[in-house]
């Protein structure tokens, strides 16, 4: 779990993504994309505080089903999920603080869910 600097070898299916437990960030982009390369250090720094959040880098492109199912149009697009549900989205992020805020949001959702399950 945690930050990944490599694109997934195989794109996960939408059903697999929807079934992911806990907090997850999907990062859609391409290794040759200049915007993606510029955002990479910001994303890596933001994840340093959230090593328990799963990070999946998905190489996107024309006709890729996962990116189309999330209606990705620009790279990088970060989709912040809690238990498979989209909670936030950042497109072409240029602000590390915005990434950290979104990470905190899904990490807090995870803590809230854990506390609710423990009290039942």
PDB file of N, CA and C in Angstrom:
ATOM      1  N   UNK A   1       0.822  -1.176   0.000  1.00  0.00           N
ATOM      2  CA  UNK A   1       0.000   0.000   0.000  1.00  0.00           C
ATOM      3  C   UNK A   1       0.872   1.247   0.000  1.00  0.00           C
ATOM      4  N   UNK A   2       0.248   2.400  -0.076  1.00  0.00           N
ATOM      5  CA  UNK A   2       0.994   3.637  -0.089  1.00  0.00           C
ATOM      6  C   UNK A   2       1.320   4.101  -1.487  1.00  0.00           C
ATOM      7  N   UNK A   3       2.169   5.111  -1.556  1.00  0.00           N
ATOM      8  CA  UNK A   3       2.524   5.755  -2.818  1.00  0.00           C
ATOM      9  C   UNK A   3       3.244   4.798  -3.755  1.00  0.00           C
ATOM     10  N   UNK A   4       2.905   4.891  -5.028  1.00  0.00           N
ATOM     11  CA  UNK A   4       3.577   4.109  -6.064  1.00  0.00           C
ATOM     12  C   UNK A   4       4.071   5.072  -7.138  1.00  0.00           C
ATOM     13  N   UNK A   5       5.300   4.885  -7.564  1.00  0.00           N
ATOM     14  CA  UNK A   5       5.819   5.744  -8.631  1.00  0.00           C
ATOM     15  C   UNK A   5       5.776   5.047  -9.990  1.00  0.00           C
ATOM     16  N   UNK A   6       5.159   3.886 -10.054  1.00  0.00           N
ATOM     17  CA  UNK A   6       5.074   3.125 -11.310  1.00  0.00           C
ATOM     18  C   UNK A   6       3.630   2.907 -11.721  1.00  0.00           C
ATOM     19  N   UNK A   7       3.423   2.937 -13.020  1.00  0.00           N
ATOM     20  CA  UNK A   7       2.103   2.654 -13.551  1.00  0.00           C
ATOM     21  C   UNK A   7       1.821   1.163 -13.435  1.00  0.00           C
ATOM     22  N   UNK A   8       0.559   0.819 -13.171  1.00  0.00           N
ATOM     23  CA  UNK A   8       0.136  -0.571 -13.056  1.00  0.00           C
ATOM     24  C   UNK A   8       0.411  -1.301 -14.367  1.00  0.00           C
ATOM     25  N   UNK A   9       0.875  -2.540 -14.260  1.00  0.00           N
ATOM     26  CA  UNK A   9       1.110  -3.364 -15.450  1.00  0.00           C
ATOM     27  C   UNK A   9      -0.213  -3.665 -16.162  1.00  0.00           C
ATOM     28  N   UNK A  10      -1.231  -3.960 -15.356  1.00  0.00           N
ATOM     29  CA  UNK A  10      -2.548  -4.288 -15.885  1.00  0.00           C
ATOM     30  C   UNK A  10      -3.567  -3.351 -15.255  1.00  0.00           C
ATOM     31  N   UNK A  11      -4.378  -2.743 -16.081  1.00  0.00           N
ATOM     32  CA  UNK A  11      -5.414  -1.844 -15.586  1.00  0.00           C
ATOM     33  C   UNK A  11      -6.464  -2.652 -14.825  1.00  0.00           C
ATOM     34  N   UNK A  12      -6.792  -2.244 -13.593  1.00  0.00           N
ATOM     35  CA  UNK A  12      -7.848  -2.960 -12.872  1.00  0.00           C
ATOM     36  C   UNK A  12      -9.209  -2.694 -13.517  1.00  0.00           C
ATOM     37  N   UNK A  13     -10.152  -3.581 -13.285  1.00  0.00           N
ATOM     38  CA  UNK A  13     -11.503  -3.370 -13.803  1.00  0.00           C
ATOM     39  C   UNK A  13     -12.236  -2.379 -12.900  1.00  0.00           C
ATOM     40  N   UNK A  14     -13.293  -1.801 -13.409  1.00  0.00           N
ATOM     41  CA  UNK A  14     -14.091  -0.876 -12.603  1.00  0.00           C
ATOM     42  C   UNK A  14     -14.694  -1.617 -11.414  1.00  0.00           C
ATOM     43  N   UNK A  15     -15.119  -2.854 -11.617  1.00  0.00           N
ATOM     44  CA  UNK A  15     -15.695  -3.642 -10.517  1.00  0.00           C
ATOM     45  C   UNK A  15     -14.663  -3.856  -9.415  1.00  0.00           C
ATOM     46  N   UNK A  16     -13.402  -4.118  -9.795  1.00  0.00           N
ATOM     47  CA  UNK A  16     -12.345  -4.287  -8.796  1.00  0.00           C
ATOM     48  C   UNK A  16     -12.100  -2.998  -8.023  1.00  0.00           C
ATOM     49  N   UNK A  17     -12.102  -1.873  -8.723  1.00  0.00           N
ATOM     50  CA  UNK A  17     -11.892  -0.576  -8.071  1.00  0.00           C
ATOM     51  C   UNK A  17     -13.053  -0.256  -7.133  1.00  0.00           C
ATOM     52  N   UNK A  18     -14.274  -0.502  -7.590  1.00  0.00           N
ATOM     53  CA  UNK A  18     -15.447  -0.229  -6.763  1.00  0.00           C
ATOM     54  C   UNK A  18     -15.462  -1.075  -5.490  1.00  0.00           C
ATOM     55  N   UNK A  19     -14.792  -2.225  -5.518  1.00  0.00           N
ATOM     56  CA  UNK A  19     -14.772  -3.138  -4.364  1.00  0.00           C
ATOM     57  C   UNK A  19     -13.574  -2.909  -3.439  1.00  0.00           C
ATOM     58  N   UNK A  20     -12.696  -1.947  -3.761  1.00  0.00           N
ATOM     59  CA  UNK A  20     -11.517  -1.719  -2.923  1.00  0.00           C
ATOM     60  C   UNK A  20     -11.914  -1.240  -1.534  1.00  0.00           C
ATOM     61  N   UNK A  21     -11.373  -1.871  -0.513  1.00  0.00           N
ATOM     62  CA  UNK A  21     -11.662  -1.406   0.845  1.00  0.00           C
ATOM     63  C   UNK A  21     -10.764  -0.219   1.205  1.00  0.00           C
ATOM     64  N   UNK A  22     -11.245   0.618   2.097  1.00  0.00           N
ATOM     65  CA  UNK A  22     -10.417   1.697   2.621  1.00  0.00           C
ATOM     66  C   UNK A  22     -10.160   2.823   1.641  1.00  0.00           C
ATOM     67  N   UNK A  23      -9.217   3.702   1.994  1.00  0.00           N
ATOM     68  CA  UNK A  23      -8.906   4.864   1.164  1.00  0.00           C
ATOM     69  C   UNK A  23      -7.968   4.501   0.008  1.00  0.00           C
ATOM     70  N   UNK A  24      -8.283   5.025  -1.168  1.00  0.00           N
ATOM     71  CA  UNK A  24      -7.492   4.753  -2.378  1.00  0.00           C
ATOM     72  C   UNK A  24      -7.465   6.006  -3.244  1.00  0.00           C
ATOM     73  N   UNK A  25      -6.330   6.235  -3.885  1.00  0.00           N
ATOM     74  CA  UNK A  25      -6.236   7.296  -4.884  1.00  0.00           C
ATOM     75  C   UNK A  25      -5.886   6.659  -6.219  1.00  0.00           C
ATOM     76  N   UNK A  26      -6.722   6.907  -7.214  1.00  0.00           N
ATOM     77  CA  UNK A  26      -6.417   6.510  -8.583  1.00  0.00           C
ATOM     78  C   UNK A  26      -5.789   7.712  -9.259  1.00  0.00           C
ATOM     79  N   UNK A  27      -4.640   7.509  -9.859  1.00  0.00           N
ATOM     80  CA  UNK A  27      -3.977   8.578 -10.610  1.00  0.00           C
ATOM     81  C   UNK A  27      -3.953   8.160 -12.073  1.00  0.00           C
ATOM     82  N   UNK A  28      -4.688   8.884 -12.900  1.00  0.00           N
ATOM     83  CA  UNK A  28      -4.715   8.615 -14.328  1.00  0.00           C
ATOM     84  C   UNK A  28      -3.736   9.541 -15.022  1.00  0.00           C
ATOM     85  N   UNK A  29      -2.932   8.984 -15.920  1.00  0.00           N
ATOM     86  CA  UNK A  29      -1.959   9.784 -16.644  1.00  0.00           C
ATOM     87  C   UNK A  29      -1.182   8.917 -17.612  1.00  0.00           C
ATOM     88  N   UNK A  30      -0.014   9.397 -17.991  1.00  0.00           N
ATOM     89  CA  UNK A  30       0.877   8.665 -18.893  1.00  0.00           C
ATOM     90  C   UNK A  30       2.316   9.036 -18.545  1.00  0.00           C
ATOM     91  N   UNK A  31       3.258   8.103 -18.710  1.00  0.00           N
ATOM     92  CA  UNK A  31       4.639   8.383 -18.320  1.00  0.00           C
ATOM     93  C   UNK A  31       5.293   9.513 -19.125  1.00  0.00           C
ATOM     94  N   UNK A  32       4.820   9.766 -20.324  1.00  0.00           N
ATOM     95  CA  UNK A  32       5.404  10.801 -21.172  1.00  0.00           C
ATOM     96  C   UNK A  32       4.725  12.166 -21.004  1.00  0.00           C
ATOM     97  N   UNK A  33       3.665  12.232 -20.203  1.00  0.00           N
ATOM     98  CA  UNK A  33       2.872  13.455 -20.035  1.00  0.00           C
ATOM     99  C   UNK A  33       3.636  14.479 -19.184  1.00  0.00           C
ATOM    100  N   UNK A  34       3.860  15.649 -19.722  1.00  0.00           N
ATOM    101  CA  UNK A  34       4.580  16.705 -19.013  1.00  0.00           C
ATOM    102  C   UNK A  34       3.848  17.178 -17.760  1.00  0.00           C
ATOM    103  N   UNK A  35       2.521  17.287 -17.832  1.00  0.00           N
ATOM    104  CA  UNK A  35       1.742  17.681 -16.654  1.00  0.00           C
ATOM    105  C   UNK A  35       1.889  16.641 -15.541  1.00  0.00           C
ATOM    106  N   UNK A  36       1.899  15.366 -15.945  1.00  0.00           N
ATOM    107  CA  UNK A  36       2.051  14.270 -14.974  1.00  0.00           C
ATOM    108  C   UNK A  36       3.432  14.329 -14.321  1.00  0.00           C
ATOM    109  N   UNK A  37       4.439  14.581 -15.120  1.00  0.00           N
ATOM    110  CA  UNK A  37       5.805  14.666 -14.597  1.00  0.00           C
ATOM    111  C   UNK A  37       5.941  15.839 -13.634  1.00  0.00           C
ATOM    112  N   UNK A  38       5.296  16.957 -13.942  1.00  0.00           N
ATOM    113  CA  UNK A  38       5.351  18.127 -13.062  1.00  0.00           C
ATOM    114  C   UNK A  38       4.638  17.888 -11.737  1.00  0.00           C
ATOM    115  N   UNK A  39       3.543  17.148 -11.778  1.00  0.00           N
ATOM    116  CA  UNK A  39       2.757  16.899 -10.563  1.00  0.00           C
ATOM    117  C   UNK A  39       3.347  15.789  -9.697  1.00  0.00           C
ATOM    118  N   UNK A  40       4.180  14.936 -10.272  1.00  0.00           N
ATOM    119  CA  UNK A  40       4.691  13.759  -9.549  1.00  0.00           C
ATOM    120  C   UNK A  40       5.347  14.093  -8.206  1.00  0.00           C
ATOM    121  N   UNK A  41       6.246  15.089  -8.115  1.00  0.00           N
ATOM    122  CA  UNK A  41       6.848  15.377  -6.809  1.00  0.00           C
ATOM    123  C   UNK A  41       5.835  15.887  -5.781  1.00  0.00           C
ATOM    124  N   UNK A  42       4.834  16.632  -6.227  1.00  0.00           N
ATOM    125  CA  UNK A  42       3.790  17.127  -5.320  1.00  0.00           C
ATOM    126  C   UNK A  42       2.984  15.956  -4.759  1.00  0.00           C
ATOM    127  N   UNK A  43       2.650  15.023  -5.625  1.00  0.00           N
ATOM    128  CA  UNK A  43       1.865  13.861  -5.212  1.00  0.00           C
ATOM    129  C   UNK A  43       2.683  13.008  -4.249  1.00  0.00           C
ATOM    130  N   UNK A  44       3.935  12.768  -4.573  1.00  0.00           N
ATOM    131  CA  UNK A  44       4.804  11.960  -3.704  1.00  0.00           C
ATOM    132  C   UNK A  44       4.953  12.605  -2.328  1.00  0.00           C
ATOM    133  N   UNK A  45       5.161  13.900  -2.286  1.00  0.00           N
ATOM    134  CA  UNK A  45       5.297  14.597  -0.998  1.00  0.00           C
ATOM    135  C   UNK A  45       4.019  14.530  -0.184  1.00  0.00           C
ATOM    136  N   UNK A  46       2.888  14.697  -0.843  1.00  0.00           N
ATOM    137  CA  UNK A  46       1.612  14.643  -0.133  1.00  0.00           C
ATOM    138  C   UNK A  46       1.377  13.263   0.467  1.00  0.00           C
ATOM    139  N   UNK A  47       1.765  12.224  -0.236  1.00  0.00           N
ATOM    140  CA  UNK A  47       1.575  10.855   0.248  1.00  0.00           C
ATOM    141  C   UNK A  47       2.500  10.505   1.411  1.00  0.00           C
ATOM    142  N   UNK A  48       3.555  11.253   1.623  1.00  0.00           N
ATOM    143  CA  UNK A  48       4.492  10.944   2.712  1.00  0.00           C
ATOM    144  C   UNK A  48       3.790  10.905   4.066  1.00  0.00           C
ATOM    145  N   UNK A  49       2.772  11.714   4.242  1.00  0.00           N
ATOM    146  CA  UNK A  49       2.035  11.763   5.503  1.00  0.00           C
ATOM    147  C   UNK A  49       0.930  10.706   5.565  1.00  0.00           C
ATOM    148  N   UNK A  50       0.621  10.080   4.439  1.00  0.00           N
ATOM    149  CA  UNK A  50      -0.486   9.124   4.367  1.00  0.00           C
ATOM    150  C   UNK A  50      -0.032   7.790   3.765  1.00  0.00           C
ATOM    151  N   UNK A  51       0.911   7.103   4.411  1.00  0.00           N
ATOM    152  CA  UNK A  51       1.431   5.851   3.829  1.00  0.00           C
ATOM    153  C   UNK A  51       0.406   4.720   3.799  1.00  0.00           C
ATOM    154  N   UNK A  52      -0.680   4.844   4.555  1.00  0.00           N
ATOM    155  CA  UNK A  52      -1.697   3.788   4.581  1.00  0.00           C
ATOM    156  C   UNK A  52      -2.722   3.927   3.453  1.00  0.00           C
ATOM    157  N   UNK A  53      -2.666   5.021   2.696  1.00  0.00           N
ATOM    158  CA  UNK A  53      -3.611   5.223   1.599  1.00  0.00           C
ATOM    159  C   UNK A  53      -3.046   4.550   0.342  1.00  0.00           C
ATOM    160  N   UNK A  54      -3.846   3.691  -0.248  1.00  0.00           N
ATOM    161  CA  UNK A  54      -3.451   2.976  -1.475  1.00  0.00           C
ATOM    162  C   UNK A  54      -3.396   3.967  -2.632  1.00  0.00           C
ATOM    163  N   UNK A  55      -2.369   3.832  -3.468  1.00  0.00           N
ATOM    164  CA  UNK A  55      -2.177   4.709  -4.631  1.00  0.00           C
ATOM    165  C   UNK A  55      -1.994   3.824  -5.855  1.00  0.00           C
ATOM    166  N   UNK A  56      -2.887   3.953  -6.816  1.00  0.00           N
ATOM    167  CA  UNK A  56      -2.785   3.191  -8.063  1.00  0.00           C
ATOM    168  C   UNK A  56      -2.592   4.156  -9.220  1.00  0.00           C
ATOM    169  N   UNK A  57      -1.462   4.029  -9.893  1.00  0.00           N
ATOM    170  CA  UNK A  57      -1.202   4.832 -11.087  1.00  0.00           C
ATOM    171  C   UNK A  57      -1.677   4.032 -12.288  1.00  0.00           C
ATOM    172  N   UNK A  58      -2.602   4.601 -13.037  1.00  0.00           N
ATOM    173  CA  UNK A  58      -3.197   3.917 -14.167  1.00  0.00           C
ATOM    174  C   UNK A  58      -2.821   4.668 -15.440  1.00  0.00           C
ATOM    175  N   UNK A  59      -2.113   3.974 -16.329  1.00  0.00           N
ATOM    176  CA  UNK A  59      -1.772   4.601 -17.610  1.00  0.00           C
ATOM    177  C   UNK A  59      -3.042   4.687 -18.435  1.00  0.00           C
ATOM    178  N   UNK A  60      -3.404   5.904 -18.761  1.00  0.00           N
ATOM    179  CA  UNK A  60      -4.663   6.153 -19.441  1.00  0.00           C
ATOM    180  C   UNK A  60      -4.405   6.442 -20.909  1.00  0.00           C
ATOM    181  N   UNK A  61      -5.431   6.349 -21.684  1.00  0.00           N
ATOM    182  CA  UNK A  61      -5.325   6.654 -23.102  1.00  0.00           C
ATOM    183  C   UNK A  61      -6.656   6.411 -23.768  1.00  0.00           C
ATOM    184  N   UNK A  62      -6.701   6.730 -25.034  1.00  0.00           N
ATOM    185  CA  UNK A  62      -7.925   6.582 -25.804  1.00  0.00           C
ATOM    186  C   UNK A  62      -8.424   5.139 -25.714  1.00  0.00           C
ATOM    187  N   UNK A  63      -9.688   5.015 -25.353  1.00  0.00           N
ATOM    188  CA  UNK A  63     -10.305   3.704 -25.310  1.00  0.00           C
ATOM    189  C   UNK A  63     -10.011   2.868 -24.081  1.00  0.00           C
ATOM    190  N   UNK A  64      -9.288   3.417 -23.114  1.00  0.00           N
ATOM    191  CA  UNK A  64      -9.023   2.663 -21.884  1.00  0.00           C
ATOM    192  C   UNK A  64     -10.308   2.677 -21.045  1.00  0.00           C
ATOM    193  N   UNK A  65     -10.829   1.505 -20.715  1.00  0.00           N
ATOM    194  CA  UNK A  65     -12.145   1.467 -20.077  1.00  0.00           C
ATOM    195  C   UNK A  65     -12.219   2.092 -18.689  1.00  0.00           C
ATOM    196  N   UNK A  66     -11.195   1.942 -17.861  1.00  0.00           N
ATOM    197  CA  UNK A  66     -11.290   2.484 -16.506  1.00  0.00           C
ATOM    198  C   UNK A  66     -11.329   4.010 -16.532  1.00  0.00           C
ATOM    199  N   UNK A  67     -10.451   4.620 -17.304  1.00  0.00           N
ATOM    200  CA  UNK A  67     -10.453   6.078 -17.418  1.00  0.00           C
ATOM    201  C   UNK A  67     -11.760   6.612 -17.983  1.00  0.00           C
ATOM    202  N   UNK A  68     -12.317   5.898 -18.962  1.00  0.00           N
ATOM    203  CA  UNK A  68     -13.586   6.345 -19.541  1.00  0.00           C
ATOM    204  C   UNK A  68     -14.717   6.213 -18.523  1.00  0.00           C
ATOM    205  N   UNK A  69     -14.670   5.157 -17.693  1.00  0.00           N
ATOM    206  CA  UNK A  69     -15.744   4.967 -16.707  1.00  0.00           C
ATOM    207  C   UNK A  69     -15.742   6.079 -15.663  1.00  0.00           C
ATOM    208  N   UNK A  70     -14.574   6.702 -15.438  1.00  0.00           N
ATOM    209  CA  UNK A  70     -14.478   7.830 -14.516  1.00  0.00           C
ATOM    210  C   UNK A  70     -14.536   9.172 -15.256  1.00  0.00           C
ATOM    211  N   UNK A  71     -14.745   9.138 -16.555  1.00  0.00           N
ATOM    212  CA  UNK A  71     -14.838  10.340 -17.402  1.00  0.00           C
ATOM    213  C   UNK A  71     -13.596  11.222 -17.308  1.00  0.00           C
ATOM    214  N   UNK A  72     -12.432  10.578 -17.328  1.00  0.00           N
ATOM    215  CA  UNK A  72     -11.168  11.305 -17.283  1.00  0.00           C
ATOM    216  C   UNK A  72     -10.934  11.951 -18.644  1.00  0.00           C
ATOM    217  N   UNK A  73     -10.607  13.227 -18.615  1.00  0.00           N
ATOM    218  CA  UNK A  73     -10.360  13.973 -19.859  1.00  0.00           C
ATOM    219  C   UNK A  73      -8.963  14.571 -19.907  1.00  0.00           C
ATOM    220  N   UNK A  74      -8.406  14.949 -18.747  1.00  0.00           N
ATOM    221  CA  UNK A  74      -7.088  15.570 -18.684  1.00  0.00           C
ATOM    222  C   UNK A  74      -6.209  14.800 -17.705  1.00  0.00           C
ATOM    223  N   UNK A  75      -4.911  14.876 -17.923  1.00  0.00           N
ATOM    224  CA  UNK A  75      -3.952  14.193 -17.053  1.00  0.00           C
ATOM    225  C   UNK A  75      -3.090  15.201 -16.325  1.00  0.00           C
ATOM    226  N   UNK A  76      -2.598  14.876 -15.175  1.00  0.00           N
ATOM    227  CA  UNK A  76      -3.088  13.779 -14.354  1.00  0.00           C
ATOM    228  C   UNK A  76      -4.423  14.138 -13.723  1.00  0.00           C
ATOM    229  N   UNK A  77      -5.235  13.119 -13.543  1.00  0.00           N
ATOM    230  CA  UNK A  77      -6.464  13.243 -12.775  1.00  0.00           C
ATOM    231  C   UNK A  77      -6.328  12.323 -11.579  1.00  0.00           C
ATOM    232  N   UNK A  78      -6.511  12.876 -10.391  1.00  0.00           N
ATOM    233  CA  UNK A  78      -6.469  12.106  -9.153  1.00  0.00           C
ATOM    234  C   UNK A  78      -7.900  11.932  -8.669  1.00  0.00           C
ATOM    235  N   UNK A  79      -8.282  10.686  -8.451  1.00  0.00           N
ATOM    236  CA  UNK A  79      -9.615  10.386  -7.945  1.00  0.00           C
ATOM    237  C   UNK A  79      -9.443   9.764  -6.567  1.00  0.00           C
ATOM    238  N   UNK A  80     -10.017  10.409  -5.585  1.00  0.00           N
ATOM    239  CA  UNK A  80      -9.892  10.003  -4.187  1.00  0.00           C
ATOM    240  C   UNK A  80     -11.124   9.189  -3.808  1.00  0.00           C
ATOM    241  N   UNK A  81     -10.890   7.930  -3.457  1.00  0.00           N
ATOM    242  CA  UNK A  81     -11.966   6.997  -3.162  1.00  0.00           C
ATOM    243  C   UNK A  81     -11.939   6.578  -1.698  1.00  0.00           C
ATOM    244  N   UNK A  82     -13.103   6.381  -1.137  1.00  0.00           N
ATOM    245  CA  UNK A  82     -13.244   5.761   0.178  1.00  0.00           C
ATOM    246  C   UNK A  82     -14.176   4.573  -0.014  1.00  0.00           C
ATOM    247  N   UNK A  83     -13.647   3.372   0.198  1.00  0.00           N
ATOM    248  CA  UNK A  83     -14.415   2.139   0.009  1.00  0.00           C
ATOM    249  C   UNK A  83     -15.039   2.088  -1.385  1.00  0.00           C
ATOM    250  N   UNK A  84     -14.270   2.446  -2.404  1.00  0.00           N
ATOM    251  CA  UNK A  84     -14.710   2.355  -3.785  1.00  0.00           C
ATOM    252  C   UNK A  84     -15.592   3.486  -4.269  1.00  0.00           C
ATOM    253  N   UNK A  85     -15.933   4.433  -3.406  1.00  0.00           N
ATOM    254  CA  UNK A  85     -16.781   5.557  -3.803  1.00  0.00           C
ATOM    255  C   UNK A  85     -15.953   6.823  -3.951  1.00  0.00           C
ATOM    256  N   UNK A  86     -16.164   7.518  -5.060  1.00  0.00           N
ATOM    257  CA  UNK A  86     -15.439   8.765  -5.288  1.00  0.00           C
ATOM    258  C   UNK A  86     -15.884   9.820  -4.291  1.00  0.00           C
ATOM    259  N   UNK A  87     -14.880  10.427  -3.626  1.00  0.00           N
ATOM    260  CA  UNK A  87     -15.160  11.490  -2.662  1.00  0.00           C
ATOM    261  C   UNK A  87     -14.671  12.847  -3.155  1.00  0.00           C
ATOM    262  N   UNK A  88     -13.541  12.820  -3.879  1.00  0.00           N
ATOM    263  CA  UNK A  88     -12.989  14.068  -4.417  1.00  0.00           C
ATOM    264  C   UNK A  88     -12.238  13.741  -5.699  1.00  0.00           C
ATOM    265  N   UNK A  89     -11.935  14.822  -6.445  1.00  0.00           N
ATOM    266  CA  UNK A  89     -11.194  14.686  -7.697  1.00  0.00           C
ATOM    267  C   UNK A  89     -10.362  15.949  -7.883  1.00  0.00           C
ATOM    268  N   UNK A  90      -9.116  15.759  -8.282  1.00  0.00           N
ATOM    269  CA  UNK A  90      -8.255  16.886  -8.634  1.00  0.00           C
ATOM    270  C   UNK A  90      -7.728  16.639 -10.044  1.00  0.00           C
ATOM    271  N   UNK A  91      -7.849  17.654 -10.882  1.00  0.00           N
ATOM    272  CA  UNK A  91      -7.382  17.557 -12.261  1.00  0.00           C
ATOM    273  C   UNK A  91      -6.202  18.503 -12.424  1.00  0.00           C
ATOM    274  N   UNK A  92      -5.087  17.952 -12.912  1.00  0.00           N
ATOM    275  CA  UNK A  92      -3.846  18.708 -13.086  1.00  0.00           C
ATOM    276  C   UNK A  92      -3.467  19.501 -11.830  1.00  0.00           C
ATOM    277  N   UNK A  93      -3.303  18.807 -10.716  1.00  0.00           N
ATOM    278  CA  UNK A  93      -2.996  19.515  -9.469  1.00  0.00           C
ATOM    279  C   UNK A  93      -1.643  20.219  -9.530  1.00  0.00           C
ATOM    280  N   UNK A  94      -1.621  21.429  -8.986  1.00  0.00           N
ATOM    281  CA  UNK A  94      -0.375  22.203  -8.904  1.00  0.00           C
ATOM    282  C   UNK A  94      -0.107  22.648  -7.478  1.00  0.00           C
ATOM    283  N   UNK A  95      -0.923  22.173  -6.545  1.00  0.00           N
ATOM    284  CA  UNK A  95      -0.852  22.601  -5.154  1.00  0.00           C
ATOM    285  C   UNK A  95      -0.802  21.378  -4.241  1.00  0.00           C
ATOM    286  N   UNK A  96       0.322  21.173  -3.590  1.00  0.00           N
ATOM    287  CA  UNK A  96       0.491  20.030  -2.699  1.00  0.00           C
ATOM    288  C   UNK A  96      -0.522  20.058  -1.562  1.00  0.00           C
ATOM    289  N   UNK A  97      -0.855  21.232  -1.078  1.00  0.00           N
ATOM    290  CA  UNK A  97      -1.806  21.361   0.030  1.00  0.00           C
ATOM    291  C   UNK A  97      -3.184  20.827  -0.377  1.00  0.00           C
ATOM    292  N   UNK A  98      -3.605  21.082  -1.607  1.00  0.00           N
ATOM    293  CA  UNK A  98      -4.895  20.574  -2.086  1.00  0.00           C
ATOM    294  C   UNK A  98      -4.892  19.043  -2.112  1.00  0.00           C
ATOM    295  N   UNK A  99      -3.778  18.465  -2.518  1.00  0.00           N
ATOM    296  CA  UNK A  99      -3.662  16.998  -2.535  1.00  0.00           C
ATOM    297  C   UNK A  99      -3.720  16.465  -1.105  1.00  0.00           C
ATOM    298  N   UNK A 100      -2.999  17.115  -0.204  1.00  0.00           N
ATOM    299  CA  UNK A 100      -3.007  16.689   1.208  1.00  0.00           C
ATOM    300  C   UNK A 100      -4.403  16.797   1.813  1.00  0.00           C
ATOM    301  N   UNK A 101      -5.136  17.858   1.479  1.00  0.00           N
ATOM    302  CA  UNK A 101      -6.501  18.028   1.988  1.00  0.00           C
ATOM    303  C   UNK A 101      -7.409  16.889   1.527  1.00  0.00           C
ATOM    304  N   UNK A 102      -7.291  16.539   0.255  1.00  0.00           N
ATOM    305  CA  UNK A 102      -8.114  15.452  -0.277  1.00  0.00           C
ATOM    306  C   UNK A 102      -7.715  14.111   0.350  1.00  0.00           C
ATOM    307  N   UNK A 103      -6.418  13.911   0.553  1.00  0.00           N
ATOM    308  CA  UNK A 103      -5.965  12.694   1.230  1.00  0.00           C
ATOM    309  C   UNK A 103      -6.500  12.640   2.660  1.00  0.00           C
ATOM    310  N   UNK A 104      -6.460  13.752   3.346  1.00  0.00           N
ATOM    311  CA  UNK A 104      -6.965  13.807   4.720  1.00  0.00           C
ATOM    312  C   UNK A 104      -8.450  13.473   4.755  1.00  0.00           C
ATOM    313  N   UNK A 105      -9.184  13.938   3.747  1.00  0.00           N
ATOM    314  CA  UNK A 105     -10.619  13.676   3.688  1.00  0.00           C
ATOM    315  C   UNK A 105     -10.899  12.180   3.612  1.00  0.00           C
ATOM    316  N   UNK A 106     -10.232  11.459   2.721  1.00  0.00           N
ATOM    317  CA  UNK A 106     -10.514  10.020   2.610  1.00  0.00           C
ATOM    318  C   UNK A 106      -9.889   9.239   3.757  1.00  0.00           C
ATOM    319  N   UNK A 107      -8.780   9.713   4.313  1.00  0.00           N
ATOM    320  CA  UNK A 107      -8.179   9.049   5.476  1.00  0.00           C
ATOM    321  C   UNK A 107      -9.086   9.208   6.684  1.00  0.00           C
ATOM    322  N   UNK A 108      -9.716  10.370   6.822  1.00  0.00           N
ATOM    323  CA  UNK A 108     -10.651  10.613   7.916  1.00  0.00           C
ATOM    324  C   UNK A 108     -11.888   9.748   7.746  1.00  0.00           C
ATOM    325  N   UNK A 109     -12.371   9.604   6.508  1.00  0.00           N
ATOM    326  CA  UNK A 109     -13.507   8.714   6.247  1.00  0.00           C
ATOM    327  C   UNK A 109     -13.190   7.304   6.721  1.00  0.00           C
ATOM    328  N   UNK A 110     -11.969   6.859   6.485  1.00  0.00           N
ATOM    329  CA  UNK A 110     -11.555   5.515   6.897  1.00  0.00           C
ATOM    330  C   UNK A 110     -11.564   5.409   8.419  1.00  0.00           C
ATOM    331  N   UNK A 111     -11.032   6.411   9.099  1.00  0.00           N
ATOM    332  CA  UNK A 111     -11.015   6.389  10.565  1.00  0.00           C
ATOM    333  C   UNK A 111     -12.429   6.396  11.125  1.00  0.00           C
ATOM    334  N   UNK A 112     -13.323   7.196  10.520  1.00  0.00           N
ATOM    335  CA  UNK A 112     -14.715   7.254  10.967  1.00  0.00           C
ATOM    336  C   UNK A 112     -15.389   5.903  10.782  1.00  0.00           C
ATOM    337  N   UNK A 113     -15.160   5.254   9.646  1.00  0.00           N
ATOM    338  CA  UNK A 113     -15.763   3.952   9.367  1.00  0.00           C
ATOM    339  C   UNK A 113     -15.269   2.896  10.339  1.00  0.00           C
ATOM    340  N   UNK A 114     -13.974   2.939  10.666  1.00  0.00           N
ATOM    341  CA  UNK A 114     -13.393   1.984  11.608  1.00  0.00           C
ATOM    342  C   UNK A 114     -14.005   2.174  12.996  1.00  0.00           C
ATOM    343  N   UNK A 115     -14.182   3.414  13.415  1.00  0.00           N
ATOM    344  CA  UNK A 115     -14.758   3.707  14.729  1.00  0.00           C
ATOM    345  C   UNK A 115     -16.212   3.239  14.790  1.00  0.00           C
ATOM    346  N   UNK A 116     -16.958   3.420  13.725  1.00  0.00           N
ATOM    347  CA  UNK A 116     -18.363   2.987  13.699  1.00  0.00           C
ATOM    348  C   UNK A 116     -18.435   1.469  13.798  1.00  0.00           C
ATOM    349  N   UNK A 117     -17.596   0.754  13.032  1.00  0.00           N
ATOM    350  CA  UNK A 117     -17.603  -0.712  13.080  1.00  0.00           C
ATOM    351  C   UNK A 117     -17.205  -1.218  14.462  1.00  0.00           C
ATOM    352  N   UNK A 118     -16.265  -0.556  15.113  1.00  0.00           N
ATOM    353  CA  UNK A 118     -15.798  -0.976  16.437  1.00  0.00           C
ATOM    354  C   UNK A 118     -16.880  -0.786  17.495  1.00  0.00           C
ATOM    355  N   UNK A 119     -17.732   0.225  17.314  1.00  0.00           N
ATOM    356  CA  UNK A 119     -18.762   0.497  18.316  1.00  0.00           C
ATOM    357  C   UNK A 119     -19.995  -0.382  18.159  1.00  0.00           C
ATOM    358  N   UNK A 120     -20.091  -1.078  17.046  1.00  0.00           N
ATOM    359  CA  UNK A 120     -21.286  -1.928  16.803  1.00  0.00           C
ATOM    360  C   UNK A 120     -21.184  -3.252  17.510  1.00  0.00           C
TER     361      UNK A 120
END
